[in-house]
Amino acid sequence: MPTSPAGYSRKLIKGGAAKLNGAVVHSDTMLALNDTVTLKESGASTGYITNARPELDLLYEDDQIAVINKPSGLPMHRTAELEENLVETGQTYMTGRGTPCKLYPVNRLDRGTSGTVILAKSSSSAGIYGRQVKESGLDKLYLALVEGDTDDSGIISEPLDDKESETRFQTVLRGENCSLLAVTPISGRMHQIRRHLSMTGHPVIADKRYGGGDLPELSGFALHSFRTILIRPEAGPLTICAPIPEELLGLCKRRGIDAEQIMAEIDSLLKL
């Protein structure tokens, strides 16, 4: 229901008109594979429903920011003439929706990485959230499918660019000569997760720059920004999760890790 008013979906959930697997739930309940969401039919809800998926996958939005689920292969900014990019796509979407604004990235993901990206709707909001990122960082959890059989958990503290750097990981599942990791970057160096995992001999699959090989059928590599915890001024912490891409789930399945296995680990991942 991309054209519904802000907060409309939350109102449906709070009023019991939207149910999950037949039960009334809280709006923060995590959806998982094979869940069924049902809506009580009304003229208003029916009018908002469309078969077309919005071009922009909005995970959260308020007056200051929009949090987007960026697909892998899409750059943050234009790097070549007429190249599609997240910022311009977002601005076009906002204009088409009747809420035009200039968007400013608060955090960035590499072209090949998918998942949560925060875009501020004004330069002042960008300054507020930018200071937060600079001073305290973002609490981020990534999923990475890497080559080889990794340790159950570990801390990688090799300096990057002559600066102290730390990445923590926990092995979630193992497949055919691969491991699915939950990764938390403590510092924020360029390509930190990719470089650190490569240093351990377990590069991110399809990350050819750092030894993960080349998979032309993928639009990026097997790294997904799954969860971000954001502190909103005067509103407290907000936890935002980006759905795991079908492309990554398909790669995991081909390497011996089924989607059902991953979904069974979601609750434990959210506690990391």
C-alpha atoms as a PDB file:
ATOM      1  CA  MET A   1       0.000   0.000   0.000  1.00  0.00           C
ATOM      2  CA  PRO A   2       2.641   2.530  -1.072  1.00  0.00           C
ATOM      3  CA  THR A   3       0.210   5.457  -1.374  1.00  0.00           C
ATOM      4  CA  SER A   4      -1.365   5.036   2.075  1.00  0.00           C
ATOM      5  CA  PRO A   5      -0.865   7.858   4.616  1.00  0.00           C
ATOM      6  CA  ALA A   6       2.082   7.741   6.997  1.00  0.00           C
ATOM      7  CA  GLY A   7       1.310   5.483   9.925  1.00  0.00           C
ATOM      8  CA  TYR A   8      -1.662   3.812   8.227  1.00  0.00           C
ATOM      9  CA  SER A   9      -0.187   0.312   8.383  1.00  0.00           C
ATOM     10  CA  ARG A  10       0.738   0.767  12.054  1.00  0.00           C
ATOM     11  CA  LYS A  11      -2.839   1.900  12.737  1.00  0.00           C
ATOM     12  CA  LEU A  12      -4.209  -1.264  11.106  1.00  0.00           C
ATOM     13  CA  ILE A  13      -1.905  -3.437  13.201  1.00  0.00           C
ATOM     14  CA  LYS A  14      -2.704  -1.621  16.460  1.00  0.00           C
ATOM     15  CA  GLY A  15      -6.447  -1.886  15.802  1.00  0.00           C
ATOM     16  CA  GLY A  16      -6.274  -5.611  15.063  1.00  0.00           C
ATOM     17  CA  ALA A  17      -7.266  -5.196  11.412  1.00  0.00           C
ATOM     18  CA  ALA A  18      -3.904  -6.629  10.305  1.00  0.00           C
ATOM     19  CA  LYS A  19      -3.018 -10.060  11.635  1.00  0.00           C
ATOM     20  CA  LEU A  20       0.001 -12.338  11.413  1.00  0.00           C
ATOM     21  CA  ASN A  21      -0.785 -16.021  10.937  1.00  0.00           C
ATOM     22  CA  GLY A  22      -4.299 -15.313  12.207  1.00  0.00           C
ATOM     23  CA  ALA A  23      -3.181 -13.649  15.448  1.00  0.00           C
ATOM     24  CA  VAL A  24      -3.028 -10.048  16.632  1.00  0.00           C
ATOM     25  CA  VAL A  25       0.599  -8.942  17.031  1.00  0.00           C
ATOM     26  CA  HIS A  26       2.695  -5.877  17.819  1.00  0.00           C
ATOM     27  CA  SER A  27       3.955  -3.731  14.945  1.00  0.00           C
ATOM     28  CA  ASP A  28       7.588  -4.560  15.824  1.00  0.00           C
ATOM     29  CA  THR A  29       7.079  -8.313  15.316  1.00  0.00           C
ATOM     30  CA  MET A  30       9.630  -9.745  12.890  1.00  0.00           C
ATOM     31  CA  LEU A  31       8.224 -11.360   9.747  1.00  0.00           C
ATOM     32  CA  ALA A  32       9.771 -14.647   8.627  1.00  0.00           C
ATOM     33  CA  LEU A  33       9.630 -16.915   5.612  1.00  0.00           C
ATOM     34  CA  ASN A  34       6.159 -18.435   4.995  1.00  0.00           C
ATOM     35  CA  ASP A  35       4.375 -16.064   7.401  1.00  0.00           C
ATOM     36  CA  THR A  36       0.941 -14.886   6.244  1.00  0.00           C
ATOM     37  CA  VAL A  37      -0.329 -11.351   6.821  1.00  0.00           C
ATOM     38  CA  THR A  38      -4.077 -10.771   6.450  1.00  0.00           C
ATOM     39  CA  LEU A  39      -5.985  -7.466   6.345  1.00  0.00           C
ATOM     40  CA  LYS A  40      -9.610  -6.900   7.287  1.00  0.00           C
ATOM     41  CA  GLU A  41     -11.235  -5.751   4.084  1.00  0.00           C
ATOM     42  CA  SER A  42     -12.368  -2.147   3.910  1.00  0.00           C
ATOM     43  CA  GLY A  43     -12.920   0.375   1.167  1.00  0.00           C
ATOM     44  CA  ALA A  44      -9.901   2.388   2.285  1.00  0.00           C
ATOM     45  CA  SER A  45      -7.487  -0.567   2.456  1.00  0.00           C
ATOM     46  CA  THR A  46      -8.667  -1.976  -0.860  1.00  0.00           C
ATOM     47  CA  GLY A  47      -8.132   1.407  -2.501  1.00  0.00           C
ATOM     48  CA  TYR A  48      -4.521   1.570  -1.332  1.00  0.00           C
ATOM     49  CA  ILE A  49      -3.517  -1.923  -2.446  1.00  0.00           C
ATOM     50  CA  THR A  50      -1.526  -2.184  -5.682  1.00  0.00           C
ATOM     51  CA  ASN A  51       0.129  -5.048  -7.548  1.00  0.00           C
ATOM     52  CA  ALA A  52       3.207  -2.949  -8.320  1.00  0.00           C
ATOM     53  CA  ARG A  53       6.107  -3.093  -5.887  1.00  0.00           C
ATOM     54  CA  PRO A  54       7.396   0.424  -5.073  1.00  0.00           C
ATOM     55  CA  GLU A  55      10.732   1.227  -6.689  1.00  0.00           C
ATOM     56  CA  LEU A  56      12.115   2.237  -3.304  1.00  0.00           C
ATOM     57  CA  ASP A  57      12.072  -0.371  -0.522  1.00  0.00           C
ATOM     58  CA  LEU A  58      11.346   1.844   2.489  1.00  0.00           C
ATOM     59  CA  LEU A  59      12.031   0.161   5.831  1.00  0.00           C
ATOM     60  CA  TYR A  60      11.313   3.201   8.019  1.00  0.00           C
ATOM     61  CA  GLU A  61      10.444   6.853   7.465  1.00  0.00           C
ATOM     62  CA  ASP A  62       9.742   9.961   9.532  1.00  0.00           C
ATOM     63  CA  ASP A  63      10.079  13.704   8.978  1.00  0.00           C
ATOM     64  CA  GLN A  64      13.883  13.596   9.241  1.00  0.00           C
ATOM     65  CA  ILE A  65      15.074  10.344   7.670  1.00  0.00           C
ATOM     66  CA  ALA A  66      14.199   7.482   5.357  1.00  0.00           C
ATOM     67  CA  VAL A  67      15.811   4.080   5.896  1.00  0.00           C
ATOM     68  CA  ILE A  68      16.117   2.122   2.660  1.00  0.00           C
ATOM     69  CA  ASN A  69      16.830  -1.510   1.840  1.00  0.00           C
ATOM     70  CA  LYS A  70      19.512  -1.038  -0.823  1.00  0.00           C
ATOM     71  CA  PRO A  71      19.838  -3.852  -3.374  1.00  0.00           C
ATOM     72  CA  SER A  72      23.311  -5.149  -4.150  1.00  0.00           C
ATOM     73  CA  GLY A  73      24.813  -3.790  -7.340  1.00  0.00           C
ATOM     74  CA  LEU A  74      23.296  -0.335  -6.874  1.00  0.00           C
ATOM     75  CA  PRO A  75      25.793   2.455  -6.039  1.00  0.00           C
ATOM     76  CA  MET A  76      24.998   5.152  -3.499  1.00  0.00           C
ATOM     77  CA  HIS A  77      25.855   7.973  -5.943  1.00  0.00           C
ATOM     78  CA  ARG A  78      26.257   8.187  -9.700  1.00  0.00           C
ATOM     79  CA  THR A  79      29.693   6.987 -10.754  1.00  0.00           C
ATOM     80  CA  ALA A  80      29.073   7.165 -14.503  1.00  0.00           C
ATOM     81  CA  GLU A  81      26.831   9.188 -16.795  1.00  0.00           C
ATOM     82  CA  LEU A  82      23.166   8.127 -16.619  1.00  0.00           C
ATOM     83  CA  GLU A  83      23.963   5.409 -14.053  1.00  0.00           C
ATOM     84  CA  GLU A  84      21.143   4.493 -11.705  1.00  0.00           C
ATOM     85  CA  ASN A  85      21.986   5.152  -8.052  1.00  0.00           C
ATOM     86  CA  LEU A  86      20.250   5.072  -4.688  1.00  0.00           C
ATOM     87  CA  VAL A  87      20.163   8.804  -3.905  1.00  0.00           C
ATOM     88  CA  GLU A  88      18.656   9.855  -7.240  1.00  0.00           C
ATOM     89  CA  THR A  89      16.239   6.914  -7.228  1.00  0.00           C
ATOM     90  CA  GLY A  90      15.111   7.961  -3.759  1.00  0.00           C
ATOM     91  CA  GLN A  91      14.644  11.594  -4.749  1.00  0.00           C
ATOM     92  CA  THR A  92      12.638  10.595  -7.828  1.00  0.00           C
ATOM     93  CA  TYR A  93      10.434   8.370  -5.687  1.00  0.00           C
ATOM     94  CA  MET A  94       9.831  11.120  -3.130  1.00  0.00           C
ATOM     95  CA  THR A  95       8.929  13.612  -5.868  1.00  0.00           C
ATOM     96  CA  GLY A  96       6.576  11.172  -7.574  1.00  0.00           C
ATOM     97  CA  ARG A  97       4.867  10.533  -4.255  1.00  0.00           C
ATOM     98  CA  GLY A  98       4.284  14.250  -3.754  1.00  0.00           C
ATOM     99  CA  THR A  99       6.853  14.733  -0.973  1.00  0.00           C
ATOM    100  CA  PRO A 100       9.898  16.108  -2.837  1.00  0.00           C
ATOM    101  CA  CYS A 101      13.142  16.510  -0.893  1.00  0.00           C
ATOM    102  CA  LYS A 102      16.878  16.313  -1.330  1.00  0.00           C
ATOM    103  CA  LEU A 103      18.401  13.197   0.247  1.00  0.00           C
ATOM    104  CA  TYR A 104      21.733  13.017   2.065  1.00  0.00           C
ATOM    105  CA  PRO A 105      23.363   9.667   2.942  1.00  0.00           C
ATOM    106  CA  VAL A 106      24.025   9.311   6.674  1.00  0.00           C
ATOM    107  CA  ASN A 107      25.839   6.017   6.175  1.00  0.00           C
ATOM    108  CA  ARG A 108      27.065   4.282   3.031  1.00  0.00           C
ATOM    109  CA  LEU A 109      27.280   0.756   1.692  1.00  0.00           C
ATOM    110  CA  ASP A 110      29.576  -0.509  -1.045  1.00  0.00           C
ATOM    111  CA  ARG A 111      27.968  -1.066  -4.433  1.00  0.00           C
ATOM    112  CA  GLY A 112      28.014  -4.835  -3.948  1.00  0.00           C
ATOM    113  CA  THR A 113      26.565  -4.807  -0.411  1.00  0.00           C
ATOM    114  CA  SER A 114      22.816  -4.885   0.234  1.00  0.00           C
ATOM    115  CA  GLY A 115      20.776  -3.766   3.239  1.00  0.00           C
ATOM    116  CA  THR A 116      20.021  -0.810   5.492  1.00  0.00           C
ATOM    117  CA  VAL A 117      21.004   2.695   4.411  1.00  0.00           C
ATOM    118  CA  ILE A 118      19.930   5.876   6.208  1.00  0.00           C
ATOM    119  CA  LEU A 119      19.101   8.908   4.058  1.00  0.00           C
ATOM    120  CA  ALA A 120      18.454  12.263   5.733  1.00  0.00           C
ATOM    121  CA  LYS A 121      15.761  14.494   4.252  1.00  0.00           C
ATOM    122  CA  SER A 122      17.574  17.785   4.913  1.00  0.00           C
ATOM    123  CA  SER A 123      21.071  19.066   5.493  1.00  0.00           C
ATOM    124  CA  SER A 124      20.246  19.785   9.145  1.00  0.00           C
ATOM    125  CA  SER A 125      19.020  16.222   9.716  1.00  0.00           C
ATOM    126  CA  ALA A 126      22.119  14.936   7.949  1.00  0.00           C
ATOM    127  CA  GLY A 127      24.228  16.947  10.383  1.00  0.00           C
ATOM    128  CA  ILE A 128      22.397  15.596  13.438  1.00  0.00           C
ATOM    129  CA  TYR A 129      22.648  11.951  12.418  1.00  0.00           C
ATOM    130  CA  GLY A 130      26.082  12.398  10.872  1.00  0.00           C
ATOM    131  CA  ARG A 131      27.447  13.555  14.216  1.00  0.00           C
ATOM    132  CA  GLN A 132      25.917  10.513  15.877  1.00  0.00           C
ATOM    133  CA  VAL A 133      27.635   8.197  13.419  1.00  0.00           C
ATOM    134  CA  LYS A 134      30.957  10.009  13.840  1.00  0.00           C
ATOM    135  CA  GLU A 135      30.840  10.144  17.643  1.00  0.00           C
ATOM    136  CA  SER A 136      29.294   6.796  18.575  1.00  0.00           C
ATOM    137  CA  GLY A 137      28.850   4.870  15.334  1.00  0.00           C
ATOM    138  CA  LEU A 138      25.863   2.795  14.306  1.00  0.00           C
ATOM    139  CA  ASP A 139      25.087  -0.509  15.965  1.00  0.00           C
ATOM    140  CA  LYS A 140      25.118  -2.655  12.819  1.00  0.00           C
ATOM    141  CA  LEU A 141      24.910  -6.390  12.247  1.00  0.00           C
ATOM    142  CA  TYR A 142      25.830  -7.875   8.862  1.00  0.00           C
ATOM    143  CA  LEU A 143      25.336 -11.316   7.375  1.00  0.00           C
ATOM    144  CA  ALA A 144      28.232 -12.596   5.298  1.00  0.00           C
ATOM    145  CA  LEU A 145      28.573 -15.852   3.397  1.00  0.00           C
ATOM    146  CA  VAL A 146      32.291 -16.606   3.287  1.00  0.00           C
ATOM    147  CA  GLU A 147      34.553 -19.258   1.845  1.00  0.00           C
ATOM    148  CA  GLY A 148      35.676 -22.116   4.086  1.00  0.00           C
ATOM    149  CA  ASP A 149      34.914 -23.418   7.566  1.00  0.00           C
ATOM    150  CA  THR A 150      35.327 -20.608  10.119  1.00  0.00           C
ATOM    151  CA  ASP A 151      35.793 -20.719  13.890  1.00  0.00           C
ATOM    152  CA  ASP A 152      32.622 -20.571  15.995  1.00  0.00           C
ATOM    153  CA  SER A 153      33.401 -16.942  16.814  1.00  0.00           C
ATOM    154  CA  GLY A 154      36.283 -14.524  16.702  1.00  0.00           C
ATOM    155  CA  ILE A 155      37.643 -10.995  16.875  1.00  0.00           C
ATOM    156  CA  ILE A 156      39.738  -9.579  14.033  1.00  0.00           C
ATOM    157  CA  SER A 157      41.831  -6.615  15.154  1.00  0.00           C
ATOM    158  CA  GLU A 158      44.331  -6.117  12.329  1.00  0.00           C
ATOM    159  CA  PRO A 159      44.985  -2.393  11.666  1.00  0.00           C
ATOM    160  CA  LEU A 160      43.601  -0.993   8.413  1.00  0.00           C
ATOM    161  CA  ASP A 161      45.161   2.042   6.753  1.00  0.00           C
ATOM    162  CA  ASP A 162      47.433   2.376   9.806  1.00  0.00           C
ATOM    163  CA  LYS A 163      44.385   2.777  12.079  1.00  0.00           C
ATOM    164  CA  GLU A 164      43.097   0.537  14.842  1.00  0.00           C
ATOM    165  CA  SER A 165      40.263  -1.620  13.536  1.00  0.00           C
ATOM    166  CA  GLU A 166      38.092  -4.332  15.047  1.00  0.00           C
ATOM    167  CA  THR A 167      35.542  -6.724  13.563  1.00  0.00           C
ATOM    168  CA  ARG A 168      33.695  -9.390  15.542  1.00  0.00           C
ATOM    169  CA  PHE A 169      31.983 -12.405  14.052  1.00  0.00           C
ATOM    170  CA  GLN A 170      29.934 -15.410  15.043  1.00  0.00           C
ATOM    171  CA  THR A 171      29.337 -18.422  12.823  1.00  0.00           C
ATOM    172  CA  VAL A 172      25.604 -18.958  12.334  1.00  0.00           C
ATOM    173  CA  LEU A 173      25.558 -21.948   9.961  1.00  0.00           C
ATOM    174  CA  ARG A 174      27.985 -23.976   7.855  1.00  0.00           C
ATOM    175  CA  GLY A 175      27.450 -25.298   4.346  1.00  0.00           C
ATOM    176  CA  GLU A 176      29.537 -26.852   1.597  1.00  0.00           C
ATOM    177  CA  ASN A 177      32.977 -25.281   2.111  1.00  0.00           C
ATOM    178  CA  CYS A 178      31.333 -22.075   3.313  1.00  0.00           C
ATOM    179  CA  SER A 179      30.107 -20.410   6.485  1.00  0.00           C
ATOM    180  CA  LEU A 180      27.325 -17.919   7.155  1.00  0.00           C
ATOM    181  CA  LEU A 181      28.549 -15.320   9.648  1.00  0.00           C
ATOM    182  CA  ALA A 182      26.921 -12.654  11.782  1.00  0.00           C
ATOM    183  CA  VAL A 183      29.439  -9.806  11.677  1.00  0.00           C
ATOM    184  CA  THR A 184      29.671  -6.664  13.804  1.00  0.00           C
ATOM    185  CA  PRO A 185      32.143  -3.922  12.806  1.00  0.00           C
ATOM    186  CA  ILE A 186      33.293  -2.092  15.927  1.00  0.00           C
ATOM    187  CA  SER A 187      35.262   0.514  13.982  1.00  0.00           C
ATOM    188  CA  GLY A 188      34.299   1.986  10.609  1.00  0.00           C
ATOM    189  CA  ARG A 189      37.152   1.686   8.127  1.00  0.00           C
ATOM    190  CA  MET A 190      36.667   1.506   4.369  1.00  0.00           C
ATOM    191  CA  HIS A 191      35.779  -2.035   3.232  1.00  0.00           C
ATOM    192  CA  GLN A 192      36.508  -3.141   6.797  1.00  0.00           C
ATOM    193  CA  ILE A 193      34.450  -6.345   6.907  1.00  0.00           C
ATOM    194  CA  ARG A 194      35.572  -7.449   3.451  1.00  0.00           C
ATOM    195  CA  ARG A 195      39.242  -6.776   4.161  1.00  0.00           C
ATOM    196  CA  HIS A 196      39.261  -8.310   7.636  1.00  0.00           C
ATOM    197  CA  LEU A 197      37.514 -11.506   6.548  1.00  0.00           C
ATOM    198  CA  SER A 198      39.900 -11.821   3.609  1.00  0.00           C
ATOM    199  CA  MET A 199      42.843 -11.533   6.025  1.00  0.00           C
ATOM    200  CA  THR A 200      41.569 -14.597   7.913  1.00  0.00           C
ATOM    201  CA  GLY A 201      41.487 -16.660   4.717  1.00  0.00           C
ATOM    202  CA  HIS A 202      37.676 -16.559   4.543  1.00  0.00           C
ATOM    203  CA  PRO A 203      36.769 -13.881   1.979  1.00  0.00           C
ATOM    204  CA  VAL A 204      33.172 -12.900   1.270  1.00  0.00           C
ATOM    205  CA  ILE A 205      31.922 -15.074  -1.575  1.00  0.00           C
ATOM    206  CA  ALA A 206      31.863 -13.240  -4.948  1.00  0.00           C
ATOM    207  CA  ASP A 207      34.010 -10.389  -3.594  1.00  0.00           C
ATOM    208  CA  LYS A 208      36.629 -10.681  -6.304  1.00  0.00           C
ATOM    209  CA  ARG A 209      38.510  -7.598  -5.107  1.00  0.00           C
ATOM    210  CA  TYR A 210      39.452  -9.341  -1.854  1.00  0.00           C
ATOM    211  CA  GLY A 211      39.798 -12.937  -3.008  1.00  0.00           C
ATOM    212  CA  GLY A 212      36.195 -14.146  -2.947  1.00  0.00           C
ATOM    213  CA  GLY A 213      36.072 -15.150  -6.609  1.00  0.00           C
ATOM    214  CA  ASP A 214      33.757 -13.987  -9.360  1.00  0.00           C
ATOM    215  CA  LEU A 215      30.120 -15.069  -9.691  1.00  0.00           C
ATOM    216  CA  PRO A 216      28.716 -13.251 -12.748  1.00  0.00           C
ATOM    217  CA  GLU A 217      25.186 -14.375 -11.891  1.00  0.00           C
ATOM    218  CA  LEU A 218      25.250 -12.203  -8.742  1.00  0.00           C
ATOM    219  CA  SER A 219      24.681  -8.461  -8.880  1.00  0.00           C
ATOM    220  CA  GLY A 220      27.098  -7.931  -5.981  1.00  0.00           C
ATOM    221  CA  PHE A 221      28.685 -10.102  -3.306  1.00  0.00           C
ATOM    222  CA  ALA A 222      27.417 -12.091  -0.324  1.00  0.00           C
ATOM    223  CA  LEU A 223      27.351  -9.312   2.279  1.00  0.00           C
ATOM    224  CA  HIS A 224      24.101  -7.903   3.683  1.00  0.00           C
ATOM    225  CA  SER A 225      23.549  -5.141   6.238  1.00  0.00           C
ATOM    226  CA  PHE A 226      20.849  -6.979   8.178  1.00  0.00           C
ATOM    227  CA  ARG A 227      20.172  -4.904  11.296  1.00  0.00           C
ATOM    228  CA  THR A 228      20.807  -1.291  12.280  1.00  0.00           C
ATOM    229  CA  ILE A 229      20.012   0.256  15.664  1.00  0.00           C
ATOM    230  CA  LEU A 230      19.566   3.991  15.360  1.00  0.00           C
ATOM    231  CA  ILE A 231      19.226   6.482  18.207  1.00  0.00           C
ATOM    232  CA  ARG A 232      16.614   9.108  17.284  1.00  0.00           C
ATOM    233  CA  PRO A 233      16.790  12.494  19.011  1.00  0.00           C
ATOM    234  CA  GLU A 234      14.101  12.644  21.712  1.00  0.00           C
ATOM    235  CA  ALA A 235      12.609   9.349  20.495  1.00  0.00           C
ATOM    236  CA  GLY A 236      15.095   6.736  21.669  1.00  0.00           C
ATOM    237  CA  PRO A 237      16.540   3.672  19.912  1.00  0.00           C
ATOM    238  CA  LEU A 238      14.990   2.212  16.787  1.00  0.00           C
ATOM    239  CA  THR A 239      15.872  -1.269  15.485  1.00  0.00           C
ATOM    240  CA  ILE A 240      15.508  -1.697  11.720  1.00  0.00           C
ATOM    241  CA  CYS A 241      16.038  -4.978   9.864  1.00  0.00           C
ATOM    242  CA  ALA A 242      16.386  -5.409   6.107  1.00  0.00           C
ATOM    243  CA  PRO A 243      14.888  -8.573   4.564  1.00  0.00           C
ATOM    244  CA  ILE A 244      17.534 -11.042   3.421  1.00  0.00           C
ATOM    245  CA  PRO A 245      17.709 -10.813  -0.402  1.00  0.00           C
ATOM    246  CA  GLU A 246      16.409 -13.711  -2.469  1.00  0.00           C
ATOM    247  CA  GLU A 247      19.736 -13.656  -4.307  1.00  0.00           C
ATOM    248  CA  LEU A 248      21.666 -14.304  -1.077  1.00  0.00           C
ATOM    249  CA  LEU A 249      19.200 -16.963   0.079  1.00  0.00           C
ATOM    250  CA  GLY A 250      19.548 -18.692  -3.296  1.00  0.00           C
ATOM    251  CA  LEU A 251      23.341 -18.656  -3.064  1.00  0.00           C
ATOM    252  CA  CYS A 252      23.171 -20.092   0.454  1.00  0.00           C
ATOM    253  CA  LYS A 253      20.884 -22.878  -0.760  1.00  0.00           C
ATOM    254  CA  ARG A 254      23.262 -23.782  -3.581  1.00  0.00           C
ATOM    255  CA  ARG A 255      26.033 -24.016  -1.005  1.00  0.00           C
ATOM    256  CA  GLY A 256      24.052 -26.287   1.351  1.00  0.00           C
ATOM    257  CA  ILE A 257      22.312 -23.808   3.690  1.00  0.00           C
ATOM    258  CA  ASP A 258      18.510 -23.724   3.337  1.00  0.00           C
ATOM    259  CA  ALA A 259      16.437 -20.609   3.939  1.00  0.00           C
ATOM    260  CA  GLU A 260      14.498 -22.431   6.657  1.00  0.00           C
ATOM    261  CA  GLN A 261      17.738 -22.991   8.568  1.00  0.00           C
ATOM    262  CA  ILE A 262      18.564 -19.297   8.359  1.00  0.00           C
ATOM    263  CA  MET A 263      15.096 -18.241   9.482  1.00  0.00           C
ATOM    264  CA  ALA A 264      15.345 -20.565  12.471  1.00  0.00           C
ATOM    265  CA  GLU A 265      18.401 -18.557  13.621  1.00  0.00           C
ATOM    266  CA  ILE A 266      16.828 -15.103  13.247  1.00  0.00           C
ATOM    267  CA  ASP A 267      15.725 -14.716  16.878  1.00  0.00           C
ATOM    268  CA  SER A 268      19.209 -15.542  18.145  1.00  0.00           C
ATOM    269  CA  LEU A 269      20.741 -13.143  15.596  1.00  0.00           C
ATOM    270  CA  LEU A 270      18.628 -10.278  16.891  1.00  0.00           C
ATOM    271  CA  LYS A 271      20.033 -10.797  20.374  1.00  0.00           C
ATOM    272  CA  LEU A 272      23.643 -10.333  19.257  1.00  0.00           C
END
